[in-house]
Amino acid sequence: MTDIHTHILRAWGEKPLTAKKLLRRMDELGMEKFVILPTIGPEGPYFYSGPEEVLSFYRRHSEKVIPFCNIDPRAGDNSPETDFSFLLNKYKKDGCKGVGEITANIYMDSPLCINLFKQCGKTGLPVLFHLYNKTGGSYGLVDDIHLPRLEKVLKECPDTIFIGHAMAFWAEISGDVAEETRGGYPSGPVKSSGRLTELLKKYPNLYGDLSAGSGYNAITRFNWDVEAWKPTVISVELGMNDCVAGPDSTPLYIANMNNLVGRINKTGARPVLFTSSPHNDGSTTQLPQRIDNPAFNGGFEPVGTDSQEYENREL
């Protein structure tokens, strides 16, 4: 399992989250790898922690750390003509796999941003950005309600991979998002498909970062996305990506599945569990660690046995 969003963080007036503490915490959580994002922007109450510090730690723990570099769109000449190619190519050569977390509190479709984004795409580095709902008051690239500026960026930079993060990004998962709520953590059901859902379907270069409270708030939707429809049967299928973490994560996987099946049982619906396809054990993929399907498939049996009913059928 990989954590895509961590920092070596030193907030004003607080104890620092050092690289050593971060590594220990990732080990405690069972993370095989984790991305470290440099903190460089002046808008937040954080001390500078740049790409060089991240790369230094990466060199000592390259088996676990995935380093990102970070560049403020205003850097250099504060001009939409600034050439970032030297920095981007240098950091890529040093091992960086992306750029971010970009937190400059300016409109995300400004010429400054477009200039940087296009060069990131040309270099082959994805961009992870923090989205905020206004200028001033905090950090993060700015967009209006319903994300018109993000769509403009996606159109103008088709060769750049974007990974969105934070409240103003994930609040748009619901169609009833409002100005009063989009800067925080909207509560209640996702009543209809939001603008973010549309953009994720439409643009293959847009992805979502599910970290922090904003991502958690967006995906904890079982009650209204499933239960609200009052189904009599709910099916759960083991996908190939569930096996990426390897056999050591099987106990955690079983525990999570038991939790999900328990929630299904409480609705009165019948849970139906599907193992992965017997015609593809994962050996045909380019990721050999995905061949651990038998361990995960085997985990389905105790989950099913602990459910209200259990019947094992071979299709």
Protein backbone atom coordinates (compact mmCIF):
# COMPACT_ATOMS: atom_id res chain seq x y z
CA MET A 1 0.00 0.00 0.00
CA THR A 2 1.25 3.50 -0.87
CA ASP A 3 0.47 6.80 0.86
CA ILE A 4 0.49 9.49 -1.82
CA HIS A 5 0.49 12.50 0.50
CA THR A 6 2.99 13.04 3.33
CA HIS A 7 5.23 15.90 4.44
CA ILE A 8 8.30 16.50 6.52
CA LEU A 9 6.48 19.23 8.35
CA ARG A 10 7.44 22.01 10.71
CA ALA A 11 4.41 24.11 11.66
CA TRP A 12 4.88 27.33 13.57
CA GLY A 13 4.78 26.79 17.32
CA GLU A 14 4.38 23.01 17.07
CA LYS A 15 6.69 20.04 17.37
CA PRO A 16 8.10 19.09 13.96
CA LEU A 17 7.16 15.95 12.08
CA THR A 18 10.71 14.94 11.26
CA ALA A 19 11.72 12.50 8.54
CA LYS A 20 12.53 9.95 11.23
CA LYS A 21 9.10 10.30 12.84
CA LEU A 22 7.40 10.11 9.44
CA LEU A 23 9.22 6.89 8.56
CA ARG A 24 8.27 5.34 11.89
CA ARG A 25 4.62 6.31 11.41
CA MET A 26 4.52 4.86 7.90
CA ASP A 27 5.93 1.60 9.25
CA GLU A 28 3.28 1.56 11.99
CA LEU A 29 0.55 1.97 9.36
CA GLY A 30 1.99 -0.78 7.16
CA MET A 31 2.78 1.50 4.23
CA GLU A 32 5.15 -0.14 1.78
CA LYS A 33 5.91 3.17 0.08
CA PHE A 34 4.99 6.80 0.61
CA VAL A 35 5.23 10.04 -1.34
CA ILE A 36 6.90 12.99 0.39
CA LEU A 37 5.76 16.39 -0.84
CA PRO A 38 8.06 19.39 -0.23
CA THR A 39 6.55 22.38 1.62
CA ILE A 40 7.69 25.62 -0.03
CA GLY A 41 4.81 28.11 -0.21
CA PRO A 42 4.76 31.31 1.86
CA GLU A 43 0.99 31.28 2.45
CA GLY A 44 0.87 28.58 5.14
CA PRO A 45 2.25 28.66 8.72
CA TYR A 46 5.01 26.19 7.91
CA PHE A 47 8.78 26.35 7.75
CA TYR A 48 10.39 25.69 4.39
CA SER A 49 11.08 22.03 3.62
CA GLY A 50 12.29 21.87 0.04
CA PRO A 51 13.00 19.22 -2.57
CA GLU A 52 16.62 18.91 -1.49
CA GLU A 53 15.57 17.77 2.00
CA VAL A 54 13.15 15.26 0.51
CA LEU A 55 15.77 13.93 -1.89
CA SER A 56 18.32 13.60 0.91
CA PHE A 57 15.91 11.41 2.84
CA TYR A 58 15.02 9.49 -0.32
CA ARG A 59 18.66 8.59 -0.90
CA ARG A 60 18.78 6.97 2.55
CA HIS A 61 15.43 5.16 2.17
CA SER A 62 14.90 4.71 -1.56
CA GLU A 63 13.09 1.41 -0.98
CA LYS A 64 10.20 3.25 0.72
CA VAL A 65 10.26 6.94 -0.24
CA ILE A 66 8.78 8.31 -3.47
CA PRO A 67 10.11 11.87 -3.77
CA PHE A 68 8.27 14.78 -5.36
CA CYS A 69 9.83 18.13 -6.13
CA ASN A 70 7.94 21.39 -5.80
CA ILE A 71 8.03 24.65 -7.73
CA ASP A 72 5.99 27.77 -7.07
CA PRO A 73 4.46 29.08 -10.33
CA ARG A 74 5.68 32.55 -9.33
CA ALA A 75 9.30 31.39 -9.01
CA GLY A 76 12.04 32.62 -11.28
CA ASP A 77 10.92 35.84 -12.90
CA ASN A 78 7.27 35.74 -11.69
CA SER A 79 6.45 35.59 -15.38
CA PRO A 80 4.41 33.31 -17.66
CA GLU A 81 7.55 33.08 -19.78
CA THR A 82 9.75 31.55 -17.06
CA ASP A 83 11.65 28.49 -18.24
CA PHE A 84 11.42 25.79 -15.56
CA SER A 85 12.99 23.07 -17.72
CA PHE A 86 16.35 23.16 -15.93
CA LEU A 87 14.75 22.58 -12.50
CA LEU A 88 12.26 19.99 -13.72
CA ASN A 89 14.84 17.95 -15.60
CA LYS A 90 17.29 18.18 -12.70
CA TYR A 91 14.75 16.97 -10.15
CA LYS A 92 13.53 14.21 -12.45
CA LYS A 93 17.11 13.02 -12.94
CA ASP A 94 17.57 13.09 -9.15
CA GLY A 95 14.62 10.70 -8.75
CA CYS A 96 11.54 12.89 -8.32
CA LYS A 97 8.34 11.33 -9.64
CA GLY A 98 6.08 14.38 -9.59
CA VAL A 99 5.59 18.04 -8.67
CA GLY A 100 3.65 19.21 -5.64
CA GLU A 101 1.93 19.86 -3.44
CA ILE A 102 1.40 23.16 -5.27
CA THR A 103 -0.18 25.57 -2.79
CA ALA A 104 0.31 29.03 -4.32
CA ASN A 105 -2.80 31.07 -3.53
CA ILE A 106 -3.45 32.25 -7.08
CA TYR A 107 -6.03 31.31 -9.71
CA MET A 108 -5.14 27.92 -11.10
CA ASP A 109 -5.74 28.96 -14.71
CA SER A 110 -3.47 32.01 -14.46
CA PRO A 111 -0.78 32.28 -17.14
CA LEU A 112 1.80 31.60 -14.43
CA CYS A 113 0.22 28.25 -13.60
CA ILE A 114 -0.47 27.24 -17.18
CA ASN A 115 3.19 27.87 -18.00
CA LEU A 116 4.39 25.60 -15.21
CA PHE A 117 1.77 22.92 -15.86
CA LYS A 118 2.64 22.60 -19.54
CA GLN A 119 6.32 22.23 -18.75
CA CYS A 120 5.55 19.57 -16.12
CA GLY A 121 3.65 17.61 -18.77
CA LYS A 122 6.49 17.98 -21.24
CA THR A 123 8.91 16.64 -18.62
CA GLY A 124 6.60 13.74 -17.77
CA LEU A 125 5.95 14.76 -14.16
CA PRO A 126 2.41 14.73 -12.72
CA VAL A 127 1.17 17.73 -10.72
CA LEU A 128 -0.44 17.36 -7.29
CA PHE A 129 -2.30 20.51 -6.24
CA HIS A 130 -4.18 21.82 -3.21
CA LEU A 131 -7.41 23.57 -4.22
CA TYR A 132 -8.85 26.47 -2.21
CA ASN A 133 -12.09 28.38 -2.65
CA LYS A 134 -10.79 31.97 -2.49
CA THR A 135 -7.76 34.21 -2.57
CA GLY A 136 -6.47 35.12 0.85
CA GLY A 137 -7.02 33.44 4.18
CA SER A 138 -5.06 30.28 3.50
CA TYR A 139 -3.03 28.42 0.88
CA GLY A 140 -3.97 26.60 -2.31
CA LEU A 141 -4.68 27.22 -5.96
CA VAL A 142 -8.03 28.95 -6.42
CA ASP A 143 -11.05 27.95 -8.48
CA ASP A 144 -14.68 29.06 -8.61
CA ILE A 145 -17.67 26.91 -7.74
CA HIS A 146 -18.20 24.02 -10.20
CA LEU A 147 -14.50 24.08 -11.16
CA PRO A 148 -14.50 26.05 -14.44
CA ARG A 149 -10.84 26.97 -14.07
CA LEU A 150 -9.81 23.37 -13.47
CA GLU A 151 -11.57 22.32 -16.66
CA LYS A 152 -9.81 25.08 -18.57
CA VAL A 153 -6.47 23.80 -17.26
CA LEU A 154 -7.31 20.20 -18.19
CA LYS A 155 -8.15 21.30 -21.73
CA GLU A 156 -5.07 23.47 -22.18
CA CYS A 157 -2.67 20.94 -20.65
CA PRO A 158 -3.80 17.54 -22.00
CA ASP A 159 -0.31 16.06 -21.65
CA THR A 160 -0.10 16.85 -17.94
CA ILE A 161 -1.42 14.50 -15.26
CA PHE A 162 -3.20 16.37 -12.45
CA ILE A 163 -3.90 14.99 -8.97
CA GLY A 164 -6.45 17.08 -7.08
CA HIS A 165 -6.60 17.50 -3.33
CA ALA A 166 -8.34 19.43 -0.52
CA MET A 167 -11.76 20.72 0.38
CA ALA A 168 -12.67 22.85 -2.66
CA PHE A 169 -11.77 19.88 -4.88
CA TRP A 170 -13.63 17.08 -3.09
CA ALA A 171 -16.67 19.17 -2.11
CA GLU A 172 -17.54 19.16 -5.83
CA ILE A 173 -18.28 15.43 -5.73
CA SER A 174 -21.90 16.38 -4.90
CA GLY A 175 -24.17 18.30 -7.23
CA ASP A 176 -25.62 20.39 -4.41
CA VAL A 177 -22.31 22.01 -3.43
CA ALA A 178 -22.73 25.62 -2.32
CA GLU A 179 -20.44 28.60 -1.82
CA GLU A 180 -21.05 28.36 1.91
CA THR A 181 -19.85 24.76 2.15
CA ARG A 182 -17.30 24.18 -0.60
CA GLY A 183 -14.40 25.52 1.44
CA GLY A 184 -14.95 22.99 4.21
CA TYR A 185 -16.34 19.52 4.78
CA PRO A 186 -19.94 19.32 3.53
CA SER A 187 -22.09 16.89 5.48
CA GLY A 188 -25.06 14.83 4.40
CA PRO A 189 -25.75 12.71 1.35
CA VAL A 190 -24.29 13.13 -2.10
CA LYS A 191 -27.65 13.91 -3.67
CA SER A 192 -26.56 13.91 -7.31
CA SER A 193 -23.41 13.53 -9.35
CA GLY A 194 -21.25 16.60 -8.91
CA ARG A 195 -19.02 18.56 -11.22
CA LEU A 196 -15.92 16.69 -10.05
CA THR A 197 -17.47 13.37 -11.03
CA GLU A 198 -18.10 14.74 -14.53
CA LEU A 199 -14.54 15.98 -14.90
CA LEU A 200 -13.05 12.70 -13.67
CA LYS A 201 -15.06 10.84 -16.30
CA LYS A 202 -14.34 13.31 -19.09
CA TYR A 203 -10.62 13.98 -18.67
CA PRO A 204 -8.21 11.03 -18.45
CA ASN A 205 -5.47 13.33 -17.11
CA LEU A 206 -7.36 14.09 -13.87
CA TYR A 207 -6.94 12.00 -10.70
CA GLY A 208 -7.91 12.45 -7.06
CA ASP A 209 -5.76 12.44 -3.92
CA LEU A 210 -7.86 10.80 -1.19
CA SER A 211 -5.71 11.93 1.73
CA ALA A 212 -6.71 14.05 4.72
CA GLY A 213 -10.21 14.94 5.88
CA SER A 214 -11.35 16.16 2.47
CA GLY A 215 -10.74 12.82 0.73
CA TYR A 216 -12.14 10.87 3.66
CA ASN A 217 -15.26 13.03 3.68
CA ALA A 218 -15.78 12.34 -0.03
CA ILE A 219 -15.55 8.57 0.08
CA THR A 220 -17.37 7.75 3.34
CA ARG A 221 -20.65 7.64 1.50
CA PHE A 222 -21.96 4.09 1.96
CA ASN A 223 -25.08 5.17 3.85
CA TRP A 224 -26.35 7.46 1.11
CA ASP A 225 -24.77 5.96 -2.00
CA VAL A 226 -25.89 2.38 -1.24
CA GLU A 227 -28.15 2.08 1.77
CA ALA A 228 -30.43 4.93 0.70
CA TRP A 229 -31.57 2.84 -2.29
CA LYS A 230 -32.76 0.05 0.05
CA PRO A 231 -31.28 -2.82 -2.00
CA THR A 232 -32.07 -6.45 -1.21
CA VAL A 233 -28.71 -7.70 -2.53
CA ILE A 234 -25.32 -5.94 -2.46
CA SER A 235 -22.43 -7.50 -4.35
CA VAL A 236 -18.76 -6.95 -3.55
CA GLU A 237 -16.06 -8.09 -5.94
CA LEU A 238 -12.36 -8.49 -5.30
CA GLY A 239 -10.48 -6.50 -7.93
CA MET A 240 -6.90 -6.89 -9.09
CA ASN A 241 -5.82 -3.66 -7.36
CA ASP A 242 -6.84 -5.09 -4.00
CA CYS A 243 -3.84 -7.40 -4.22
CA VAL A 244 -1.17 -4.78 -4.86
CA ALA A 245 -0.16 -4.60 -1.19
CA GLY A 246 0.85 -8.26 -1.14
CA PRO A 247 -0.02 -11.20 1.14
CA ASP A 248 1.13 -9.45 4.32
CA SER A 249 -1.85 -7.12 4.07
CA THR A 250 -4.40 -9.96 3.87
CA PRO A 251 -5.41 -9.74 7.58
CA LEU A 252 -6.11 -6.02 7.26
CA TYR A 253 -8.03 -6.67 4.06
CA ILE A 254 -10.18 -9.32 5.78
CA ALA A 255 -10.86 -6.98 8.70
CA ASN A 256 -11.98 -4.21 6.35
CA MET A 257 -14.16 -6.60 4.39
CA ASN A 258 -15.77 -7.85 7.60
CA ASN A 259 -16.57 -4.26 8.47
CA LEU A 260 -18.15 -3.69 5.06
CA VAL A 261 -20.15 -6.91 5.18
CA GLY A 262 -21.33 -5.99 8.67
CA ARG A 263 -22.65 -2.69 7.35
CA ILE A 264 -24.40 -4.53 4.51
CA ASN A 265 -26.02 -6.93 6.96
CA LYS A 266 -27.34 -4.02 9.02
CA THR A 267 -29.22 -2.74 5.99
CA GLY A 268 -31.09 -6.05 5.72
CA ALA A 269 -29.57 -6.74 2.31
CA ARG A 270 -27.86 -9.99 1.40
CA PRO A 271 -24.12 -9.63 0.75
CA VAL A 272 -22.76 -11.53 -2.25
CA LEU A 273 -18.96 -11.77 -2.48
CA PHE A 274 -17.15 -12.44 -5.74
CA THR A 275 -13.53 -13.52 -5.88
CA SER A 276 -11.35 -12.38 -8.77
CA SER A 277 -11.56 -14.05 -12.14
CA PRO A 278 -10.14 -17.61 -12.18
CA HIS A 279 -9.03 -16.92 -15.74
CA ASN A 280 -6.51 -14.24 -14.73
CA ASP A 281 -4.31 -14.81 -11.70
CA GLY A 282 -2.49 -11.55 -12.33
CA SER A 283 0.55 -13.14 -13.94
CA THR A 284 -0.17 -11.40 -17.24
CA THR A 285 0.18 -7.92 -15.75
CA GLN A 286 3.39 -5.92 -15.56
CA LEU A 287 3.13 -5.83 -11.77
CA PRO A 288 4.18 -9.28 -10.49
CA GLN A 289 3.13 -8.42 -6.92
CA ARG A 290 -0.48 -8.70 -8.06
CA ILE A 291 -0.32 -12.50 -8.26
CA ASP A 292 -1.30 -12.80 -4.60
CA ASN A 293 -4.95 -13.30 -5.51
CA PRO A 294 -5.18 -16.76 -3.86
CA ALA A 295 -4.43 -15.23 -0.45
CA PHE A 296 -7.07 -12.57 -0.93
CA ASN A 297 -9.58 -14.95 -2.47
CA GLY A 298 -9.04 -17.22 0.53
CA GLY A 299 -9.78 -14.27 2.75
CA PHE A 300 -13.27 -14.09 1.29
CA GLU A 301 -14.25 -17.42 2.84
CA PRO A 302 -13.93 -16.39 6.52
CA VAL A 303 -15.62 -13.10 5.67
CA GLY A 304 -18.52 -14.98 4.12
CA THR A 305 -18.63 -17.52 6.92
CA ASP A 306 -18.97 -14.75 9.49
CA SER A 307 -21.84 -13.24 7.52
CA GLN A 308 -25.54 -14.06 8.06
CA GLU A 309 -25.48 -16.75 5.41
CA TYR A 310 -22.66 -18.55 3.67
CA GLU A 311 -22.75 -20.52 0.47
CA ASN A 312 -19.70 -21.26 -1.63
CA ARG A 313 -20.42 -21.66 -5.31
CA GLU A 314 -17.95 -22.20 -8.12
CA LEU A 315 -19.05 -20.50 -11.33
